[in-house]
PDB file of all heavy atoms in Angstrom:
ATOM      1  N   GLU A   1       0.815  -1.204   0.013  1.00  0.00           N
ATOM      2  CA  GLU A   1      -0.019  -0.009  -0.003  1.00  0.00           C
ATOM      3  C   GLU A   1       0.861   1.291  -0.024  1.00  0.00           C
ATOM      4  O   GLU A   1       0.369   2.319  -0.357  1.00  0.00           O
ATOM      5  CB  GLU A   1      -0.966  -0.003   1.238  1.00  0.00           C
ATOM      6  CG  GLU A   1      -2.051  -0.981   1.088  1.00  0.00           C
ATOM      7  CD  GLU A   1      -3.190  -0.691   2.094  1.00  0.00           C
ATOM      8  OE1 GLU A   1      -3.064   0.270   2.806  1.00  0.00           O
ATOM      9  OE2 GLU A   1      -4.191  -1.474   2.030  1.00  0.00           O
ATOM     10  N   TRP A   2       2.136   1.184   0.427  1.00  0.00           N
ATOM     11  CA  TRP A   2       2.961   2.336   0.479  1.00  0.00           C
ATOM     12  C   TRP A   2       4.035   2.364  -0.612  1.00  0.00           C
ATOM     13  O   TRP A   2       4.945   3.177  -0.508  1.00  0.00           O
ATOM     14  CB  TRP A   2       3.678   2.412   1.843  1.00  0.00           C
ATOM     15  CG  TRP A   2       2.725   2.491   3.048  1.00  0.00           C
ATOM     16  CD1 TRP A   2       2.404   1.558   3.935  1.00  0.00           C
ATOM     17  CD2 TRP A   2       1.939   3.717   3.359  1.00  0.00           C
ATOM     18  NE1 TRP A   2       1.427   2.030   4.785  1.00  0.00           N
ATOM     19  CE2 TRP A   2       1.136   3.314   4.476  1.00  0.00           C
ATOM     20  CE3 TRP A   2       1.795   4.979   2.783  1.00  0.00           C
ATOM     21  CZ2 TRP A   2       0.297   4.253   5.027  1.00  0.00           C
ATOM     22  CZ3 TRP A   2       0.954   5.865   3.382  1.00  0.00           C
ATOM     23  CH2 TRP A   2       0.187   5.509   4.498  1.00  0.00           C
ATOM     24  N   ARG A   3       3.910   1.560  -1.617  1.00  0.00           N
ATOM     25  CA  ARG A   3       4.858   1.577  -2.694  1.00  0.00           C
ATOM     26  C   ARG A   3       5.007   2.861  -3.464  1.00  0.00           C
ATOM     27  O   ARG A   3       5.961   3.143  -4.117  1.00  0.00           O
ATOM     28  CB  ARG A   3       4.618   0.381  -3.678  1.00  0.00           C
ATOM     29  CG  ARG A   3       4.976  -0.975  -3.165  1.00  0.00           C
ATOM     30  CD  ARG A   3       4.747  -2.006  -4.220  1.00  0.00           C
ATOM     31  NE  ARG A   3       5.104  -3.374  -3.783  1.00  0.00           N
ATOM     32  CZ  ARG A   3       6.263  -3.925  -3.908  1.00  0.00           C
ATOM     33  NH1 ARG A   3       7.258  -3.240  -4.455  1.00  0.00           N
ATOM     34  NH2 ARG A   3       6.480  -5.162  -3.501  1.00  0.00           N
ATOM     35  N   PHE A   4       3.915   3.686  -3.379  1.00  0.00           N
ATOM     36  CA  PHE A   4       3.938   4.934  -4.108  1.00  0.00           C
ATOM     37  C   PHE A   4       4.934   5.944  -3.442  1.00  0.00           C
ATOM     38  O   PHE A   4       5.288   6.945  -4.071  1.00  0.00           O
ATOM     39  CB  PHE A   4       2.528   5.603  -4.142  1.00  0.00           C
ATOM     40  CG  PHE A   4       2.033   6.020  -2.817  1.00  0.00           C
ATOM     41  CD1 PHE A   4       2.283   7.283  -2.337  1.00  0.00           C
ATOM     42  CD2 PHE A   4       1.281   5.129  -1.953  1.00  0.00           C
ATOM     43  CE1 PHE A   4       1.796   7.710  -1.089  1.00  0.00           C
ATOM     44  CE2 PHE A   4       0.802   5.557  -0.796  1.00  0.00           C
ATOM     45  CZ  PHE A   4       1.060   6.859  -0.352  1.00  0.00           C
ATOM     46  N   MET A   5       5.443   5.627  -2.220  1.00  0.00           N
ATOM     47  CA  MET A   5       6.361   6.530  -1.531  1.00  0.00           C
ATOM     48  C   MET A   5       7.773   6.129  -1.933  1.00  0.00           C
ATOM     49  O   MET A   5       8.338   5.179  -1.449  1.00  0.00           O
ATOM     50  CB  MET A   5       6.188   6.370  -0.026  1.00  0.00           C
ATOM     51  CG  MET A   5       4.809   6.927   0.461  1.00  0.00           C
ATOM     52  SD  MET A   5       4.849   8.711   0.589  1.00  0.00           S
ATOM     53  CE  MET A   5       5.782   8.918   2.045  1.00  0.00           C
ATOM     54  N   ASP A   6       8.414   6.901  -2.885  1.00  0.00           N
ATOM     55  CA  ASP A   6       9.757   6.619  -3.170  1.00  0.00           C
ATOM     56  C   ASP A   6      10.677   7.060  -2.104  1.00  0.00           C
ATOM     57  O   ASP A   6      10.365   7.869  -1.233  1.00  0.00           O
ATOM     58  CB  ASP A   6      10.124   7.278  -4.549  1.00  0.00           C
ATOM     59  CG  ASP A   6       9.977   8.793  -4.513  1.00  0.00           C
ATOM     60  OD1 ASP A   6      10.716   9.505  -3.864  1.00  0.00           O
ATOM     61  OD2 ASP A   6       8.980   9.261  -5.172  1.00  0.00           O
ATOM     62  N   ASP A   7      11.930   6.614  -2.134  1.00  0.00           N
ATOM     63  CA  ASP A   7      12.925   6.895  -1.082  1.00  0.00           C
ATOM     64  C   ASP A   7      13.184   8.435  -0.941  1.00  0.00           C
ATOM     65  O   ASP A   7      13.365   8.891   0.173  1.00  0.00           O
ATOM     66  CB  ASP A   7      14.268   6.140  -1.388  1.00  0.00           C
ATOM     67  CG  ASP A   7      14.138   4.703  -1.088  1.00  0.00           C
ATOM     68  OD1 ASP A   7      13.063   4.214  -0.612  1.00  0.00           O
ATOM     69  OD2 ASP A   7      15.109   4.006  -1.234  1.00  0.00           O
ATOM     70  N   ALA A   8      13.215   9.088  -2.016  1.00  0.00           N
ATOM     71  CA  ALA A   8      13.529  10.547  -1.939  1.00  0.00           C
ATOM     72  C   ALA A   8      12.460  11.270  -1.186  1.00  0.00           C
ATOM     73  O   ALA A   8      12.705  12.121  -0.329  1.00  0.00           O
ATOM     74  CB  ALA A   8      13.697  11.136  -3.280  1.00  0.00           C
ATOM     75  N   HIS A   9      11.185  10.880  -1.436  1.00  0.00           N
ATOM     76  CA  HIS A   9      10.081  11.555  -0.747  1.00  0.00           C
ATOM     77  C   HIS A   9      10.028  11.100   0.737  1.00  0.00           C
ATOM     78  O   HIS A   9       9.732  11.908   1.614  1.00  0.00           O
ATOM     79  CB  HIS A   9       8.790  11.307  -1.408  1.00  0.00           C
ATOM     80  CG  HIS A   9       7.640  12.204  -0.820  1.00  0.00           C
ATOM     81  ND1 HIS A   9       7.540  13.528  -1.108  1.00  0.00           N
ATOM     82  CD2 HIS A   9       6.655  11.851   0.086  1.00  0.00           C
ATOM     83  CE1 HIS A   9       6.546  14.029  -0.422  1.00  0.00           C
ATOM     84  NE2 HIS A   9       5.957  13.054   0.276  1.00  0.00           N
ATOM     85  N   MET A  10      10.334   9.820   0.993  1.00  0.00           N
ATOM     86  CA  MET A  10      10.335   9.303   2.410  1.00  0.00           C
ATOM     87  C   MET A  10      11.387  10.065   3.204  1.00  0.00           C
ATOM     88  O   MET A  10      11.185  10.374   4.336  1.00  0.00           O
ATOM     89  CB  MET A  10      10.561   7.811   2.404  1.00  0.00           C
ATOM     90  CG  MET A  10       9.328   7.067   2.059  1.00  0.00           C
ATOM     91  SD  MET A  10       9.452   5.245   2.485  1.00  0.00           S
ATOM     92  CE  MET A  10      10.724   4.689   1.312  1.00  0.00           C
ATOM     93  N   ALA A  11      12.555  10.375   2.521  1.00  0.00           N
ATOM     94  CA  ALA A  11      13.572  11.075   3.255  1.00  0.00           C
ATOM     95  C   ALA A  11      13.119  12.520   3.541  1.00  0.00           C
ATOM     96  O   ALA A  11      13.374  13.031   4.611  1.00  0.00           O
ATOM     97  CB  ALA A  11      14.870  11.166   2.450  1.00  0.00           C
ATOM     98  N   LYS A  12      12.437  13.137   2.611  1.00  0.00           N
ATOM     99  CA  LYS A  12      11.960  14.445   2.756  1.00  0.00           C
ATOM    100  C   LYS A  12      10.864  14.474   3.851  1.00  0.00           C
ATOM    101  O   LYS A  12      10.849  15.384   4.741  1.00  0.00           O
ATOM    102  CB  LYS A  12      11.341  15.004   1.516  1.00  0.00           C
ATOM    103  CG  LYS A  12      10.953  16.492   1.550  1.00  0.00           C
ATOM    104  CD  LYS A  12      10.534  17.006   0.201  1.00  0.00           C
ATOM    105  CE  LYS A  12      10.479  18.539   0.182  1.00  0.00           C
ATOM    106  NZ  LYS A  12       9.543  19.025   1.178  1.00  0.00           N
ATOM    107  N   LEU A  13       9.954  13.481   3.862  1.00  0.00           N
ATOM    108  CA  LEU A  13       8.928  13.387   4.928  1.00  0.00           C
ATOM    109  C   LEU A  13       9.661  13.188   6.304  1.00  0.00           C
ATOM    110  O   LEU A  13       9.201  13.889   7.283  1.00  0.00           O
ATOM    111  CB  LEU A  13       8.086  12.188   4.637  1.00  0.00           C
ATOM    112  CG  LEU A  13       6.979  11.957   5.656  1.00  0.00           C
ATOM    113  CD1 LEU A  13       5.907  13.036   5.707  1.00  0.00           C
ATOM    114  CD2 LEU A  13       6.293  10.568   5.437  1.00  0.00           C
ATOM    115  N   ARG A  14      10.676  12.434   6.369  1.00  0.00           N
ATOM    116  CA  ARG A  14      11.380  12.251   7.635  1.00  0.00           C
ATOM    117  C   ARG A  14      12.005  13.599   8.138  1.00  0.00           C
ATOM    118  O   ARG A  14      11.969  13.914   9.327  1.00  0.00           O
ATOM    119  CB  ARG A  14      12.412  11.176   7.564  1.00  0.00           C
ATOM    120  CG  ARG A  14      13.143  10.932   8.847  1.00  0.00           C
ATOM    121  CD  ARG A  14      14.102   9.763   8.757  1.00  0.00           C
ATOM    122  NE  ARG A  14      13.457   8.490   8.677  1.00  0.00           N
ATOM    123  CZ  ARG A  14      14.023   7.309   9.013  1.00  0.00           C
ATOM    124  NH1 ARG A  14      15.327   7.313   9.438  1.00  0.00           N
ATOM    125  NH2 ARG A  14      13.362   6.220   8.879  1.00  0.00           N
ATOM    126  N   ALA A  15      12.577  14.352   7.234  1.00  0.00           N
ATOM    127  CA  ALA A  15      13.092  15.666   7.591  1.00  0.00           C
ATOM    128  C   ALA A  15      12.061  16.565   8.113  1.00  0.00           C
ATOM    129  O   ALA A  15      12.272  17.295   9.074  1.00  0.00           O
ATOM    130  CB  ALA A  15      13.911  16.250   6.424  1.00  0.00           C
ATOM    131  N   GLN A  16      10.911  16.601   7.448  1.00  0.00           N
ATOM    132  CA  GLN A  16       9.815  17.436   7.828  1.00  0.00           C
ATOM    133  C   GLN A  16       9.286  16.983   9.243  1.00  0.00           C
ATOM    134  O   GLN A  16       8.916  17.788  10.035  1.00  0.00           O
ATOM    135  CB  GLN A  16       8.652  17.375   6.803  1.00  0.00           C
ATOM    136  CG  GLN A  16       9.037  17.954   5.484  1.00  0.00           C
ATOM    137  CD  GLN A  16       8.059  17.621   4.380  1.00  0.00           C
ATOM    138  OE1 GLN A  16       8.363  17.721   3.202  1.00  0.00           O
ATOM    139  NE2 GLN A  16       6.817  17.224   4.741  1.00  0.00           N
ATOM    140  N   TYR A  17       9.217  15.679   9.398  1.00  0.00           N
ATOM    141  CA  TYR A  17       8.783  15.127  10.686  1.00  0.00           C
ATOM    142  C   TYR A  17       9.696  15.559  11.808  1.00  0.00           C
ATOM    143  O   TYR A  17       9.276  15.999  12.900  1.00  0.00           O
ATOM    144  CB  TYR A  17       8.835  13.602  10.591  1.00  0.00           C
ATOM    145  CG  TYR A  17       8.478  12.774  11.805  1.00  0.00           C
ATOM    146  CD1 TYR A  17       7.213  12.272  11.953  1.00  0.00           C
ATOM    147  CD2 TYR A  17       9.457  12.538  12.818  1.00  0.00           C
ATOM    148  CE1 TYR A  17       6.909  11.519  13.137  1.00  0.00           C
ATOM    149  CE2 TYR A  17       9.211  11.795  13.890  1.00  0.00           C
ATOM    150  CZ  TYR A  17       7.949  11.272  14.081  1.00  0.00           C
ATOM    151  OH  TYR A  17       7.647  10.483  15.182  1.00  0.00           O
ATOM    152  N   MET A  18      10.973  15.568  11.579  1.00  0.00           N
ATOM    153  CA  MET A  18      11.984  16.008  12.591  1.00  0.00           C
ATOM    154  C   MET A  18      11.793  17.456  12.824  1.00  0.00           C
ATOM    155  O   MET A  18      11.945  17.939  14.035  1.00  0.00           O
ATOM    156  CB  MET A  18      13.359  15.691  12.110  1.00  0.00           C
ATOM    157  CG  MET A  18      13.682  14.233  12.121  1.00  0.00           C
ATOM    158  SD  MET A  18      15.225  13.751  11.271  1.00  0.00           S
ATOM    159  CE  MET A  18      16.438  14.835  12.090  1.00  0.00           C
ATOM    160  N   GLY A  19      11.435  18.248  11.862  1.00  0.00           N
ATOM    161  CA  GLY A  19      11.121  19.685  12.104  1.00  0.00           C
ATOM    162  C   GLY A  19       9.935  19.872  12.990  1.00  0.00           C
ATOM    163  O   GLY A  19       9.885  20.731  13.913  1.00  0.00           O
ATOM    164  N   ASP A  20       8.937  19.003  12.800  1.00  0.00           N
ATOM    165  CA  ASP A  20       7.742  19.035  13.676  1.00  0.00           C
ATOM    166  C   ASP A  20       8.128  18.651  15.146  1.00  0.00           C
ATOM    167  O   ASP A  20       7.591  19.237  16.072  1.00  0.00           O
ATOM    168  CB  ASP A  20       6.713  18.011  13.163  1.00  0.00           C
ATOM    169  CG  ASP A  20       5.386  18.668  12.756  1.00  0.00           C
ATOM    170  OD1 ASP A  20       5.155  19.803  13.207  1.00  0.00           O
ATOM    171  OD2 ASP A  20       4.626  18.038  11.967  1.00  0.00           O
ATOM    172  N   VAL A  21       9.059  17.664  15.275  1.00  0.00           N
ATOM    173  CA  VAL A  21       9.512  17.230  16.600  1.00  0.00           C
ATOM    174  C   VAL A  21      10.167  18.381  17.309  1.00  0.00           C
ATOM    175  O   VAL A  21       9.892  18.661  18.520  1.00  0.00           O
ATOM    176  CB  VAL A  21      10.462  16.035  16.453  1.00  0.00           C
ATOM    177  CG1 VAL A  21      11.253  15.861  17.742  1.00  0.00           C
ATOM    178  CG2 VAL A  21       9.690  14.796  16.110  1.00  0.00           C
ATOM    179  N   THR A  22      11.047  19.121  16.627  1.00  0.00           N
ATOM    180  CA  THR A  22      11.701  20.291  17.258  1.00  0.00           C
ATOM    181  C   THR A  22      10.753  21.371  17.600  1.00  0.00           C
ATOM    182  O   THR A  22      10.830  22.040  18.608  1.00  0.00           O
ATOM    183  CB  THR A  22      12.804  20.750  16.310  1.00  0.00           C
ATOM    184  OG1 THR A  22      13.778  19.752  16.154  1.00  0.00           O
ATOM    185  CG2 THR A  22      13.523  22.017  16.895  1.00  0.00           C
ATOM    186  N   LEU A  23       9.745  21.603  16.717  1.00  0.00           N
ATOM    187  CA  LEU A  23       8.703  22.588  17.008  1.00  0.00           C
ATOM    188  C   LEU A  23       7.974  22.209  18.308  1.00  0.00           C
ATOM    189  O   LEU A  23       7.758  23.098  19.164  1.00  0.00           O
ATOM    190  CB  LEU A  23       7.728  22.739  15.898  1.00  0.00           C
ATOM    191  CG  LEU A  23       6.623  23.733  16.008  1.00  0.00           C
ATOM    192  CD1 LEU A  23       6.284  24.330  14.612  1.00  0.00           C
ATOM    193  CD2 LEU A  23       5.324  23.186  16.658  1.00  0.00           C
ATOM    194  N   ILE A  24       7.625  20.949  18.445  1.00  0.00           N
ATOM    195  CA  ILE A  24       6.930  20.459  19.652  1.00  0.00           C
ATOM    196  C   ILE A  24       7.844  20.719  20.878  1.00  0.00           C
ATOM    197  O   ILE A  24       7.366  21.164  21.929  1.00  0.00           O
ATOM    198  CB  ILE A  24       6.497  19.000  19.542  1.00  0.00           C
ATOM    199  CG1 ILE A  24       5.396  18.881  18.497  1.00  0.00           C
ATOM    200  CG2 ILE A  24       6.138  18.424  20.883  1.00  0.00           C
ATOM    201  CD1 ILE A  24       5.089  17.470  18.154  1.00  0.00           C
ATOM    202  N   ASP A  25       9.074  20.403  20.715  1.00  0.00           N
ATOM    203  CA  ASP A  25      10.032  20.596  21.850  1.00  0.00           C
ATOM    204  C   ASP A  25      10.102  22.064  22.297  1.00  0.00           C
ATOM    205  O   ASP A  25      10.121  22.317  23.446  1.00  0.00           O
ATOM    206  CB  ASP A  25      11.438  20.135  21.400  1.00  0.00           C
ATOM    207  CG  ASP A  25      12.401  20.145  22.588  1.00  0.00           C
ATOM    208  OD1 ASP A  25      12.524  19.231  23.395  1.00  0.00           O
ATOM    209  OD2 ASP A  25      13.140  21.197  22.720  1.00  0.00           O
ATOM    210  N   ARG A  26      10.042  22.948  21.322  1.00  0.00           N
ATOM    211  CA  ARG A  26      10.065  24.380  21.661  1.00  0.00           C
ATOM    212  C   ARG A  26       8.748  24.774  22.400  1.00  0.00           C
ATOM    213  O   ARG A  26       8.765  25.585  23.323  1.00  0.00           O
ATOM    214  CB  ARG A  26      10.130  25.237  20.377  1.00  0.00           C
ATOM    215  CG  ARG A  26      11.444  24.939  19.577  1.00  0.00           C
ATOM    216  CD  ARG A  26      12.602  25.771  20.124  1.00  0.00           C
ATOM    217  NE  ARG A  26      13.874  25.343  19.463  1.00  0.00           N
ATOM    218  CZ  ARG A  26      14.290  25.734  18.286  1.00  0.00           C
ATOM    219  NH1 ARG A  26      13.561  26.634  17.611  1.00  0.00           N
ATOM    220  NH2 ARG A  26      15.394  25.342  17.796  1.00  0.00           N
ATOM    221  N   GLN A  27       7.652  24.133  22.033  1.00  0.00           N
ATOM    222  CA  GLN A  27       6.398  24.426  22.740  1.00  0.00           C
ATOM    223  C   GLN A  27       6.450  23.853  24.129  1.00  0.00           C
ATOM    224  O   GLN A  27       5.870  24.505  25.093  1.00  0.00           O
ATOM    225  CB  GLN A  27       5.230  23.790  21.949  1.00  0.00           C
ATOM    226  CG  GLN A  27       5.090  24.218  20.478  1.00  0.00           C
ATOM    227  CD  GLN A  27       5.253  25.694  20.268  1.00  0.00           C
ATOM    228  OE1 GLN A  27       4.569  26.515  20.875  1.00  0.00           O
ATOM    229  NE2 GLN A  27       6.265  26.058  19.440  1.00  0.00           N
ATOM    230  N   ILE A  28       7.027  22.707  24.296  1.00  0.00           N
ATOM    231  CA  ILE A  28       7.116  22.170  25.643  1.00  0.00           C
ATOM    232  C   ILE A  28       8.085  23.042  26.481  1.00  0.00           C
ATOM    233  O   ILE A  28       7.783  23.283  27.662  1.00  0.00           O
ATOM    234  CB  ILE A  28       7.765  20.740  25.604  1.00  0.00           C
ATOM    235  CG1 ILE A  28       6.689  19.747  24.963  1.00  0.00           C
ATOM    236  CG2 ILE A  28       8.142  20.238  26.997  1.00  0.00           C
ATOM    237  CD1 ILE A  28       7.168  18.381  24.719  1.00  0.00           C
ATOM    238  N   GLY A  29       9.058  23.660  25.878  1.00  0.00           N
ATOM    239  CA  GLY A  29       9.905  24.596  26.581  1.00  0.00           C
ATOM    240  C   GLY A  29       9.110  25.813  27.055  1.00  0.00           C
ATOM    241  O   GLY A  29       9.312  26.331  28.141  1.00  0.00           O
ATOM    242  N   ARG A  30       8.139  26.284  26.231  1.00  0.00           N
ATOM    243  CA  ARG A  30       7.224  27.405  26.614  1.00  0.00           C
ATOM    244  C   ARG A  30       6.410  26.974  27.851  1.00  0.00           C
ATOM    245  O   ARG A  30       6.234  27.818  28.790  1.00  0.00           O
ATOM    246  CB  ARG A  30       6.348  27.761  25.486  1.00  0.00           C
ATOM    247  CG  ARG A  30       6.988  28.402  24.257  1.00  0.00           C
ATOM    248  CD  ARG A  30       6.006  28.606  23.139  1.00  0.00           C
ATOM    249  NE  ARG A  30       4.962  29.562  23.568  1.00  0.00           N
ATOM    250  CZ  ARG A  30       3.749  29.596  22.970  1.00  0.00           C
ATOM    251  NH1 ARG A  30       3.382  28.759  21.998  1.00  0.00           N
ATOM    252  NH2 ARG A  30       2.809  30.521  23.416  1.00  0.00           N
ATOM    253  N   VAL A  31       5.895  25.772  27.906  1.00  0.00           N
ATOM    254  CA  VAL A  31       5.085  25.285  28.987  1.00  0.00           C
ATOM    255  C   VAL A  31       5.864  25.238  30.261  1.00  0.00           C
ATOM    256  O   VAL A  31       5.488  25.599  31.325  1.00  0.00           O
ATOM    257  CB  VAL A  31       4.439  23.927  28.592  1.00  0.00           C
ATOM    258  CG1 VAL A  31       3.690  23.339  29.837  1.00  0.00           C
ATOM    259  CG2 VAL A  31       3.457  24.099  27.443  1.00  0.00           C
ATOM    260  N   LEU A  32       7.112  24.669  30.114  1.00  0.00           N
ATOM    261  CA  LEU A  32       7.988  24.526  31.328  1.00  0.00           C
ATOM    262  C   LEU A  32       8.344  25.940  31.890  1.00  0.00           C
ATOM    263  O   LEU A  32       8.360  26.090  33.084  1.00  0.00           O
ATOM    264  CB  LEU A  32       9.250  23.771  30.989  1.00  0.00           C
ATOM    265  CG  LEU A  32       9.108  22.289  30.514  1.00  0.00           C
ATOM    266  CD1 LEU A  32      10.442  21.689  30.128  1.00  0.00           C
ATOM    267  CD2 LEU A  32       8.406  21.473  31.585  1.00  0.00           C
ATOM    268  N   ALA A  33       8.624  26.870  31.045  1.00  0.00           N
ATOM    269  CA  ALA A  33       8.935  28.162  31.469  1.00  0.00           C
ATOM    270  C   ALA A  33       7.681  28.801  32.218  1.00  0.00           C
ATOM    271  O   ALA A  33       7.841  29.472  33.215  1.00  0.00           O
ATOM    272  CB  ALA A  33       9.312  29.083  30.276  1.00  0.00           C
ATOM    273  N   ALA A  34       6.521  28.563  31.657  1.00  0.00           N
ATOM    274  CA  ALA A  34       5.310  29.088  32.282  1.00  0.00           C
ATOM    275  C   ALA A  34       5.057  28.540  33.657  1.00  0.00           C
ATOM    276  O   ALA A  34       4.680  29.207  34.586  1.00  0.00           O
ATOM    277  CB  ALA A  34       4.072  28.852  31.420  1.00  0.00           C
TER     278      ALA A  34
END
């Protein structure tokens, strides 16, 4: 079912996912500061 995802796009998706992870970490930092 996932064969349509070529390696180049999967790598891009993973990089975007990691960006989301860091964004969440920054939000958790805001909560801890509060």
